[in-house]
């Protein structure tokens, strides 16, 4: 395998074709590609099988909204966004 600088290489399996040349097979859709990092990245961005797999992994790992410990929003009763001079004097007296 080439120098693995990017994480996308782990999403391809190295294979040898009938001519003895290295190719890389997508682990999601099994399509194979020549060693061209740009094209491999482009394929991952458009691979429908990868998107489906990633969405299922994400949906399994994320709890539903009602299962989280989400704090409820507090409300202020009788909230006044501003005070008039008369209101201020009433409060101070």
PDB file of N, CA and C in Angstrom:
ATOM      1  N   UNK A   1       0.843  -1.185   0.000  1.00  0.00           N
ATOM      2  CA  UNK A   1       0.000   0.000   0.000  1.00  0.00           C
ATOM      3  C   UNK A   1       0.883   1.240   0.000  1.00  0.00           C
ATOM      4  N   UNK A   2       0.396   2.327  -0.569  1.00  0.00           N
ATOM      5  CA  UNK A   2       1.192   3.549  -0.559  1.00  0.00           C
ATOM      6  C   UNK A   2       1.281   4.120   0.850  1.00  0.00           C
ATOM      7  N   UNK A   3       2.117   5.121   0.983  1.00  0.00           N
ATOM      8  CA  UNK A   3       2.269   5.802   2.260  1.00  0.00           C
ATOM      9  C   UNK A   3       0.905   6.315   2.706  1.00  0.00           C
ATOM     10  N   UNK A   4       0.449   5.871   3.844  1.00  0.00           N
ATOM     11  CA  UNK A   4      -0.910   6.194   4.274  1.00  0.00           C
ATOM     12  C   UNK A   4      -0.921   7.492   5.067  1.00  0.00           C
ATOM     13  N   UNK A   5      -1.015   8.585   4.366  1.00  0.00           N
ATOM     14  CA  UNK A   5      -1.057   9.887   5.016  1.00  0.00           C
ATOM     15  C   UNK A   5      -2.467  10.251   5.430  1.00  0.00           C
ATOM     16  N   UNK A   6      -3.434   9.774   4.722  1.00  0.00           N
ATOM     17  CA  UNK A   6      -4.818  10.144   4.976  1.00  0.00           C
ATOM     18  C   UNK A   6      -5.596   8.937   5.477  1.00  0.00           C
ATOM     19  N   UNK A   7      -6.645   9.215   6.218  1.00  0.00           N
ATOM     20  CA  UNK A   7      -7.424   8.127   6.804  1.00  0.00           C
ATOM     21  C   UNK A   7      -8.259   7.375   5.765  1.00  0.00           C
ATOM     22  N   UNK A   8      -8.479   7.956   4.591  1.00  0.00           N
ATOM     23  CA  UNK A   8      -9.346   7.296   3.610  1.00  0.00           C
ATOM     24  C   UNK A   8      -8.749   5.995   3.088  1.00  0.00           C
ATOM     25  N   UNK A   9      -7.443   5.789   3.226  1.00  0.00           N
ATOM     26  CA  UNK A   9      -6.833   4.553   2.733  1.00  0.00           C
ATOM     27  C   UNK A   9      -7.393   3.334   3.461  1.00  0.00           C
ATOM     28  N   UNK A  10      -7.828   3.516   4.693  1.00  0.00           N
ATOM     29  CA  UNK A  10      -8.372   2.379   5.448  1.00  0.00           C
ATOM     30  C   UNK A  10      -9.730   1.938   4.904  1.00  0.00           C
ATOM     31  N   UNK A  11     -10.318   2.737   4.028  1.00  0.00           N
ATOM     32  CA  UNK A  11     -11.621   2.401   3.465  1.00  0.00           C
ATOM     33  C   UNK A  11     -11.493   1.682   2.122  1.00  0.00           C
ATOM     34  N   UNK A  12     -10.261   1.322   1.782  1.00  0.00           N
ATOM     35  CA  UNK A  12      -9.980   0.570   0.563  1.00  0.00           C
ATOM     36  C   UNK A  12      -9.125  -0.635   0.902  1.00  0.00           C
ATOM     37  N   UNK A  13      -9.335  -1.698   0.158  1.00  0.00           N
ATOM     38  CA  UNK A  13      -8.566  -2.923   0.327  1.00  0.00           C
ATOM     39  C   UNK A  13      -7.648  -3.060  -0.881  1.00  0.00           C
ATOM     40  N   UNK A  14      -6.384  -3.348  -0.620  1.00  0.00           N
ATOM     41  CA  UNK A  14      -5.430  -3.496  -1.720  1.00  0.00           C
ATOM     42  C   UNK A  14      -5.624  -4.861  -2.377  1.00  0.00           C
ATOM     43  N   UNK A  15      -5.739  -4.859  -3.709  1.00  0.00           N
ATOM     44  CA  UNK A  15      -5.878  -6.113  -4.456  1.00  0.00           C
ATOM     45  C   UNK A  15      -4.886  -6.091  -5.620  1.00  0.00           C
ATOM     46  N   UNK A  16      -4.616  -7.244  -6.176  1.00  0.00           N
ATOM     47  CA  UNK A  16      -3.753  -7.369  -7.357  1.00  0.00           C
ATOM     48  C   UNK A  16      -4.631  -7.860  -8.497  1.00  0.00           C
ATOM     49  N   UNK A  17      -4.623  -7.124  -9.614  1.00  0.00           N
ATOM     50  CA  UNK A  17      -5.466  -7.529 -10.745  1.00  0.00           C
ATOM     51  C   UNK A  17      -4.792  -8.630 -11.558  1.00  0.00           C
ATOM     52  N   UNK A  18      -5.431  -9.052 -12.632  1.00  0.00           N
ATOM     53  CA  UNK A  18      -4.917 -10.161 -13.447  1.00  0.00           C
ATOM     54  C   UNK A  18      -3.597  -9.820 -14.131  1.00  0.00           C
ATOM     55  N   UNK A  19      -3.294  -8.535 -14.278  1.00  0.00           N
ATOM     56  CA  UNK A  19      -2.029  -8.118 -14.889  1.00  0.00           C
ATOM     57  C   UNK A  19      -0.930  -7.944 -13.852  1.00  0.00           C
ATOM     58  N   UNK A  20      -1.230  -8.222 -12.593  1.00  0.00           N
ATOM     59  CA  UNK A  20      -0.239  -8.097 -11.531  1.00  0.00           C
ATOM     60  C   UNK A  20      -0.101  -6.681 -10.994  1.00  0.00           C
ATOM     61  N   UNK A  21      -1.018  -5.787 -11.346  1.00  0.00           N
ATOM     62  CA  UNK A  21      -0.942  -4.402 -10.874  1.00  0.00           C
ATOM     63  C   UNK A  21      -1.806  -4.218  -9.634  1.00  0.00           C
ATOM     64  N   UNK A  22      -1.341  -3.310  -8.760  1.00  0.00           N
ATOM     65  CA  UNK A  22      -2.092  -3.014  -7.546  1.00  0.00           C
ATOM     66  C   UNK A  22      -3.302  -2.161  -7.874  1.00  0.00           C
ATOM     67  N   UNK A  23      -4.402  -2.527  -7.264  1.00  0.00           N
ATOM     68  CA  UNK A  23      -5.626  -1.735  -7.369  1.00  0.00           C
ATOM     69  C   UNK A  23      -6.217  -1.657  -5.974  1.00  0.00           C
ATOM     70  N   UNK A  24      -7.175  -0.794  -5.803  1.00  0.00           N
ATOM     71  CA  UNK A  24      -7.782  -0.592  -4.491  1.00  0.00           C
ATOM     72  C   UNK A  24      -9.285  -0.751  -4.593  1.00  0.00           C
ATOM     73  N   UNK A  25      -9.836  -1.645  -3.760  1.00  0.00           N
ATOM     74  CA  UNK A  25     -11.255  -1.964  -3.801  1.00  0.00           C
ATOM     75  C   UNK A  25     -11.948  -1.279  -2.631  1.00  0.00           C
ATOM     76  N   UNK A  26     -13.031  -0.587  -2.931  1.00  0.00           N
ATOM     77  CA  UNK A  26     -13.838   0.078  -1.912  1.00  0.00           C
ATOM     78  C   UNK A  26     -14.464  -0.991  -1.014  1.00  0.00           C
ATOM     79  N   UNK A  27     -14.328  -0.839   0.293  1.00  0.00           N
ATOM     80  CA  UNK A  27     -14.877  -1.854   1.200  1.00  0.00           C
ATOM     81  C   UNK A  27     -16.393  -1.753   1.325  1.00  0.00           C
ATOM     82  N   UNK A  28     -16.980  -0.687   0.796  1.00  0.00           N
ATOM     83  CA  UNK A  28     -18.426  -0.500   0.883  1.00  0.00           C
ATOM     84  C   UNK A  28     -19.158  -1.040  -0.347  1.00  0.00           C
ATOM     85  N   UNK A  29     -18.665  -0.685  -1.540  1.00  0.00           N
ATOM     86  CA  UNK A  29     -19.391  -1.061  -2.760  1.00  0.00           C
ATOM     87  C   UNK A  29     -18.620  -2.040  -3.650  1.00  0.00           C
ATOM     88  N   UNK A  30     -17.413  -2.398  -3.261  1.00  0.00           N
ATOM     89  CA  UNK A  30     -16.559  -3.356  -3.973  1.00  0.00           C
ATOM     90  C   UNK A  30     -16.113  -2.902  -5.357  1.00  0.00           C
ATOM     91  N   UNK A  31     -16.239  -1.624  -5.686  1.00  0.00           N
ATOM     92  CA  UNK A  31     -15.694  -1.164  -6.968  1.00  0.00           C
ATOM     93  C   UNK A  31     -14.192  -0.977  -6.791  1.00  0.00           C
ATOM     94  N   UNK A  32     -13.425  -1.271  -7.856  1.00  0.00           N
ATOM     95  CA  UNK A  32     -11.977  -1.158  -7.706  1.00  0.00           C
ATOM     96  C   UNK A  32     -11.424  -0.016  -8.540  1.00  0.00           C
ATOM     97  N   UNK A  33     -10.330   0.549  -8.047  1.00  0.00           N
ATOM     98  CA  UNK A  33      -9.732   1.751  -8.614  1.00  0.00           C
ATOM     99  C   UNK A  33      -8.222   1.599  -8.686  1.00  0.00           C
ATOM    100  N   UNK A  34      -7.630   2.296  -9.657  1.00  0.00           N
ATOM    101  CA  UNK A  34      -6.181   2.370  -9.726  1.00  0.00           C
ATOM    102  C   UNK A  34      -5.704   3.298  -8.611  1.00  0.00           C
ATOM    103  N   UNK A  35      -4.417   3.248  -8.322  1.00  0.00           N
ATOM    104  CA  UNK A  35      -3.868   4.056  -7.233  1.00  0.00           C
ATOM    105  C   UNK A  35      -3.830   5.528  -7.635  1.00  0.00           C
ATOM    106  N   UNK A  36      -4.872   6.245  -7.296  1.00  0.00           N
ATOM    107  CA  UNK A  36      -4.962   7.674  -7.561  1.00  0.00           C
ATOM    108  C   UNK A  36      -5.724   8.278  -6.385  1.00  0.00           C
ATOM    109  N   UNK A  37      -4.991   8.897  -5.483  1.00  0.00           N
ATOM    110  CA  UNK A  37      -5.583   9.376  -4.231  1.00  0.00           C
ATOM    111  C   UNK A  37      -6.752  10.320  -4.465  1.00  0.00           C
ATOM    112  N   UNK A  38      -6.645  11.196  -5.435  1.00  0.00           N
ATOM    113  CA  UNK A  38      -7.715  12.161  -5.692  1.00  0.00           C
ATOM    114  C   UNK A  38      -8.993  11.452  -6.109  1.00  0.00           C
ATOM    115  N   UNK A  39      -8.870  10.509  -7.018  1.00  0.00           N
ATOM    116  CA  UNK A  39     -10.058   9.778  -7.479  1.00  0.00           C
ATOM    117  C   UNK A  39     -10.647   8.910  -6.365  1.00  0.00           C
ATOM    118  N   UNK A  40      -9.789   8.342  -5.532  1.00  0.00           N
ATOM    119  CA  UNK A  40     -10.287   7.532  -4.421  1.00  0.00           C
ATOM    120  C   UNK A  40     -11.081   8.396  -3.445  1.00  0.00           C
ATOM    121  N   UNK A  41     -10.576   9.588  -3.157  1.00  0.00           N
ATOM    122  CA  UNK A  41     -11.305  10.498  -2.269  1.00  0.00           C
ATOM    123  C   UNK A  41     -12.625  10.928  -2.902  1.00  0.00           C
ATOM    124  N   UNK A  42     -12.602  11.224  -4.193  1.00  0.00           N
ATOM    125  CA  UNK A  42     -13.835  11.606  -4.888  1.00  0.00           C
ATOM    126  C   UNK A  42     -14.852  10.468  -4.838  1.00  0.00           C
ATOM    127  N   UNK A  43     -14.369   9.245  -5.008  1.00  0.00           N
ATOM    128  CA  UNK A  43     -15.274   8.098  -4.946  1.00  0.00           C
ATOM    129  C   UNK A  43     -15.924   8.007  -3.567  1.00  0.00           C
ATOM    130  N   UNK A  44     -15.139   8.167  -2.507  1.00  0.00           N
ATOM    131  CA  UNK A  44     -15.704   8.080  -1.156  1.00  0.00           C
ATOM    132  C   UNK A  44     -16.750   9.158  -0.921  1.00  0.00           C
ATOM    133  N   UNK A  45     -16.553  10.325  -1.511  1.00  0.00           N
ATOM    134  CA  UNK A  45     -17.520  11.411  -1.345  1.00  0.00           C
ATOM    135  C   UNK A  45     -18.842  11.121  -2.050  1.00  0.00           C
ATOM    136  N   UNK A  46     -18.815  10.268  -3.066  1.00  0.00           N
ATOM    137  CA  UNK A  46     -20.031   9.989  -3.830  1.00  0.00           C
ATOM    138  C   UNK A  46     -20.545   8.556  -3.664  1.00  0.00           C
ATOM    139  N   UNK A  47     -19.844   7.738  -2.914  1.00  0.00           N
ATOM    140  CA  UNK A  47     -20.214   6.321  -2.758  1.00  0.00           C
ATOM    141  C   UNK A  47     -21.498   6.202  -1.934  1.00  0.00           C
ATOM    142  N   UNK A  48     -22.563   5.773  -2.579  1.00  0.00           N
ATOM    143  CA  UNK A  48     -23.865   5.649  -1.922  1.00  0.00           C
ATOM    144  C   UNK A  48     -23.832   4.585  -0.824  1.00  0.00           C
ATOM    145  N   UNK A  49     -23.148   3.477  -1.072  1.00  0.00           N
ATOM    146  CA  UNK A  49     -23.069   2.410  -0.068  1.00  0.00           C
ATOM    147  C   UNK A  49     -22.369   2.911   1.193  1.00  0.00           C
ATOM    148  N   UNK A  50     -21.351   3.755   1.039  1.00  0.00           N
ATOM    149  CA  UNK A  50     -20.650   4.326   2.200  1.00  0.00           C
ATOM    150  C   UNK A  50     -21.576   5.253   2.972  1.00  0.00           C
ATOM    151  N   UNK A  51     -22.331   6.086   2.252  1.00  0.00           N
ATOM    152  CA  UNK A  51     -23.244   7.014   2.921  1.00  0.00           C
ATOM    153  C   UNK A  51     -24.279   6.262   3.744  1.00  0.00           C
ATOM    154  N   UNK A  52     -24.822   5.199   3.181  1.00  0.00           N
ATOM    155  CA  UNK A  52     -25.823   4.399   3.896  1.00  0.00           C
ATOM    156  C   UNK A  52     -25.202   3.771   5.143  1.00  0.00           C
ATOM    157  N   UNK A  53     -23.993   3.239   5.000  1.00  0.00           N
ATOM    158  CA  UNK A  53     -23.311   2.621   6.137  1.00  0.00           C
ATOM    159  C   UNK A  53     -23.032   3.649   7.223  1.00  0.00           C
ATOM    160  N   UNK A  54     -22.521   4.810   6.840  1.00  0.00           N
ATOM    161  CA  UNK A  54     -22.205   5.857   7.813  1.00  0.00           C
ATOM    162  C   UNK A  54     -23.466   6.355   8.518  1.00  0.00           C
ATOM    163  N   UNK A  55     -24.551   6.514   7.782  1.00  0.00           N
ATOM    164  CA  UNK A  55     -25.801   6.977   8.386  1.00  0.00           C
ATOM    165  C   UNK A  55     -26.329   5.964   9.396  1.00  0.00           C
ATOM    166  N   UNK A  56     -26.198   4.681   9.078  1.00  0.00           N
ATOM    167  CA  UNK A  56     -26.686   3.669  10.023  1.00  0.00           C
ATOM    168  C   UNK A  56     -25.810   3.622  11.268  1.00  0.00           C
ATOM    169  N   UNK A  57     -24.508   3.818  11.107  1.00  0.00           N
ATOM    170  CA  UNK A  57     -23.607   3.840  12.266  1.00  0.00           C
ATOM    171  C   UNK A  57     -23.924   5.038  13.149  1.00  0.00           C
ATOM    172  N   UNK A  58     -24.126   6.182  12.536  1.00  0.00           N
ATOM    173  CA  UNK A  58     -24.416   7.397  13.294  1.00  0.00           C
ATOM    174  C   UNK A  58     -25.754   7.277  14.010  1.00  0.00           C
ATOM    175  N   UNK A  59     -26.770   6.764  13.325  1.00  0.00           N
ATOM    176  CA  UNK A  59     -28.088   6.664  13.951  1.00  0.00           C
ATOM    177  C   UNK A  59     -28.092   5.655  15.096  1.00  0.00           C
ATOM    178  N   UNK A  60     -27.258   4.627  15.022  1.00  0.00           N
ATOM    179  CA  UNK A  60     -27.172   3.655  16.111  1.00  0.00           C
ATOM    180  C   UNK A  60     -26.442   4.232  17.313  1.00  0.00           C
ATOM    181  N   UNK A  61     -25.448   5.082  17.072  1.00  0.00           N
ATOM    182  CA  UNK A  61     -24.648   5.606  18.174  1.00  0.00           C
ATOM    183  C   UNK A  61     -25.277   6.820  18.845  1.00  0.00           C
ATOM    184  N   UNK A  62     -26.134   7.555  18.151  1.00  0.00           N
ATOM    185  CA  UNK A  62     -26.763   8.733  18.734  1.00  0.00           C
ATOM    186  C   UNK A  62     -28.042   8.348  19.462  1.00  0.00           C
ATOM    187  N   UNK A  63     -28.152   8.748  20.714  1.00  0.00           N
ATOM    188  CA  UNK A  63     -29.411   8.480  21.409  1.00  0.00           C
ATOM    189  C   UNK A  63     -30.502   9.405  20.884  1.00  0.00           C
ATOM    190  N   UNK A  64     -31.720   8.974  21.020  1.00  0.00           N
ATOM    191  CA  UNK A  64     -32.841   9.813  20.596  1.00  0.00           C
ATOM    192  C   UNK A  64     -32.893  11.045  21.493  1.00  0.00           C
ATOM    193  N   UNK A  65     -33.495  12.099  21.008  1.00  0.00           N
ATOM    194  CA  UNK A  65     -33.523  13.357  21.743  1.00  0.00           C
ATOM    195  C   UNK A  65     -34.180  13.189  23.104  1.00  0.00           C
ATOM    196  N   UNK A  66     -35.234  12.396  23.190  1.00  0.00           N
ATOM    197  CA  UNK A  66     -35.925  12.239  24.461  1.00  0.00           C
ATOM    198  C   UNK A  66     -35.153  11.369  25.451  1.00  0.00           C
ATOM    199  N   UNK A  67     -34.070  10.721  25.030  1.00  0.00           N
ATOM    200  CA  UNK A  67     -33.273   9.898  25.927  1.00  0.00           C
ATOM    201  C   UNK A  67     -32.108  10.661  26.542  1.00  0.00           C
ATOM    202  N   UNK A  68     -31.855  11.854  26.105  1.00  0.00           N
ATOM    203  CA  UNK A  68     -30.733  12.621  26.636  1.00  0.00           C
ATOM    204  C   UNK A  68     -31.142  13.338  27.911  1.00  0.00           C
ATOM    205  N   UNK A  69     -30.163  13.797  28.624  1.00  0.00           N
ATOM    206  CA  UNK A  69     -30.416  14.552  29.844  1.00  0.00           C
ATOM    207  C   UNK A  69     -30.464  16.036  29.518  1.00  0.00           C
ATOM    208  N   UNK A  70     -31.320  16.380  28.637  1.00  0.00           N
ATOM    209  CA  UNK A  70     -31.423  17.748  28.167  1.00  0.00           C
ATOM    210  C   UNK A  70     -32.147  18.593  29.215  1.00  0.00           C
ATOM    211  N   UNK A  71     -31.549  19.729  29.542  1.00  0.00           N
ATOM    212  CA  UNK A  71     -32.178  20.609  30.515  1.00  0.00           C
ATOM    213  C   UNK A  71     -33.348  21.333  29.884  1.00  0.00           C
ATOM    214  N   UNK A  72     -34.368  21.544  30.688  1.00  0.00           N
ATOM    215  CA  UNK A  72     -35.541  22.255  30.194  1.00  0.00           C
ATOM    216  C   UNK A  72     -35.299  23.750  30.300  1.00  0.00           C
ATOM    217  N   UNK A  73     -35.870  24.476  29.379  1.00  0.00           N
ATOM    218  CA  UNK A  73     -35.728  25.919  29.381  1.00  0.00           C
ATOM    219  C   UNK A  73     -36.577  26.510  30.507  1.00  0.00           C
ATOM    220  N   UNK A  74     -35.962  27.383  31.268  1.00  0.00           N
ATOM    221  CA  UNK A  74     -36.709  28.028  32.348  1.00  0.00           C
ATOM    222  C   UNK A  74     -37.469  29.219  31.790  1.00  0.00           C
ATOM    223  N   UNK A  75     -38.587  29.504  32.420  1.00  0.00           N
ATOM    224  CA  UNK A  75     -39.394  30.643  31.978  1.00  0.00           C
ATOM    225  C   UNK A  75     -39.437  31.679  33.088  1.00  0.00           C
ATOM    226  N   UNK A  76     -39.543  32.906  32.704  1.00  0.00           N
ATOM    227  CA  UNK A  76     -39.640  34.008  33.657  1.00  0.00           C
ATOM    228  C   UNK A  76     -41.060  34.534  33.625  1.00  0.00           C
ATOM    229  N   UNK A  77     -41.729  34.446  34.754  1.00  0.00           N
ATOM    230  CA  UNK A  77     -43.091  34.970  34.842  1.00  0.00           C
ATOM    231  C   UNK A  77     -43.051  36.481  35.048  1.00  0.00           C
ATOM    232  N   UNK A  78     -43.932  37.166  34.401  1.00  0.00           N
ATOM    233  CA  UNK A  78     -44.062  38.618  34.507  1.00  0.00           C
ATOM    234  C   UNK A  78     -42.784  39.340  34.081  1.00  0.00           C
ATOM    235  N   UNK A  79     -42.121  38.832  33.108  1.00  0.00           N
ATOM    236  CA  UNK A  79     -40.894  39.460  32.616  1.00  0.00           C
ATOM    237  C   UNK A  79     -41.234  40.731  31.862  1.00  0.00           C
ATOM    238  N   UNK A  80     -40.488  41.768  32.157  1.00  0.00           N
ATOM    239  CA  UNK A  80     -40.680  43.042  31.460  1.00  0.00           C
ATOM    240  C   UNK A  80     -39.357  43.380  30.781  1.00  0.00           C
ATOM    241  N   UNK A  81     -39.354  43.528  29.472  1.00  0.00           N
ATOM    242  CA  UNK A  81     -38.097  43.776  28.774  1.00  0.00           C
ATOM    243  C   UNK A  81     -37.493  45.143  29.087  1.00  0.00           C
ATOM    244  N   UNK A  82     -38.291  46.082  29.604  1.00  0.00           N
ATOM    245  CA  UNK A  82     -37.766  47.397  29.985  1.00  0.00           C
ATOM    246  C   UNK A  82     -38.658  47.970  31.075  1.00  0.00           C
ATOM    247  N   UNK A  83     -38.127  48.923  31.803  1.00  0.00           N
ATOM    248  CA  UNK A  83     -38.885  49.593  32.858  1.00  0.00           C
ATOM    249  C   UNK A  83     -39.061  51.056  32.505  1.00  0.00           C
ATOM    250  N   UNK A  84     -40.230  51.535  32.785  1.00  0.00           N
ATOM    251  CA  UNK A  84     -40.439  52.984  32.667  1.00  0.00           C
ATOM    252  C   UNK A  84     -39.939  53.615  33.959  1.00  0.00           C
ATOM    253  N   UNK A  85     -39.807  54.907  33.952  1.00  0.00           N
ATOM    254  CA  UNK A  85     -39.341  55.610  35.145  1.00  0.00           C
ATOM    255  C   UNK A  85     -40.308  55.367  36.304  1.00  0.00           C
ATOM    256  N   UNK A  86     -41.592  55.340  36.006  1.00  0.00           N
ATOM    257  CA  UNK A  86     -42.606  55.112  37.036  1.00  0.00           C
ATOM    258  C   UNK A  86     -42.469  53.701  37.624  1.00  0.00           C
ATOM    259  N   UNK A  87     -42.236  52.686  36.766  1.00  0.00           N
ATOM    260  CA  UNK A  87     -42.050  51.318  37.245  1.00  0.00           C
ATOM    261  C   UNK A  87     -40.834  51.233  38.166  1.00  0.00           C
ATOM    262  N   UNK A  88     -39.760  51.892  37.776  1.00  0.00           N
ATOM    263  CA  UNK A  88     -38.541  51.869  38.573  1.00  0.00           C
ATOM    264  C   UNK A  88     -38.769  52.496  39.944  1.00  0.00           C
ATOM    265  N   UNK A  89     -39.480  53.618  39.967  1.00  0.00           N
ATOM    266  CA  UNK A  89     -39.762  54.291  41.237  1.00  0.00           C
ATOM    267  C   UNK A  89     -40.644  53.423  42.121  1.00  0.00           C
ATOM    268  N   UNK A  90     -41.589  52.706  41.523  1.00  0.00           N
ATOM    269  CA  UNK A  90     -42.456  51.807  42.282  1.00  0.00           C
ATOM    270  C   UNK A  90     -41.652  50.684  42.924  1.00  0.00           C
ATOM    271  N   UNK A  91     -40.736  50.138  42.171  1.00  0.00           N
ATOM    272  CA  UNK A  91     -39.923  49.042  42.686  1.00  0.00           C
ATOM    273  C   UNK A  91     -38.983  49.497  43.797  1.00  0.00           C
ATOM    274  N   UNK A  92     -38.478  50.705  43.687  1.00  0.00           N
ATOM    275  CA  UNK A  92     -37.541  51.213  44.681  1.00  0.00           C
ATOM    276  C   UNK A  92     -38.226  51.661  45.962  1.00  0.00           C
ATOM    277  N   UNK A  93     -39.507  51.957  45.913  1.00  0.00           N
ATOM    278  CA  UNK A  93     -40.190  52.449  47.118  1.00  0.00           C
ATOM    279  C   UNK A  93     -40.717  51.336  47.980  1.00  0.00           C
TER     280      UNK A  93
END
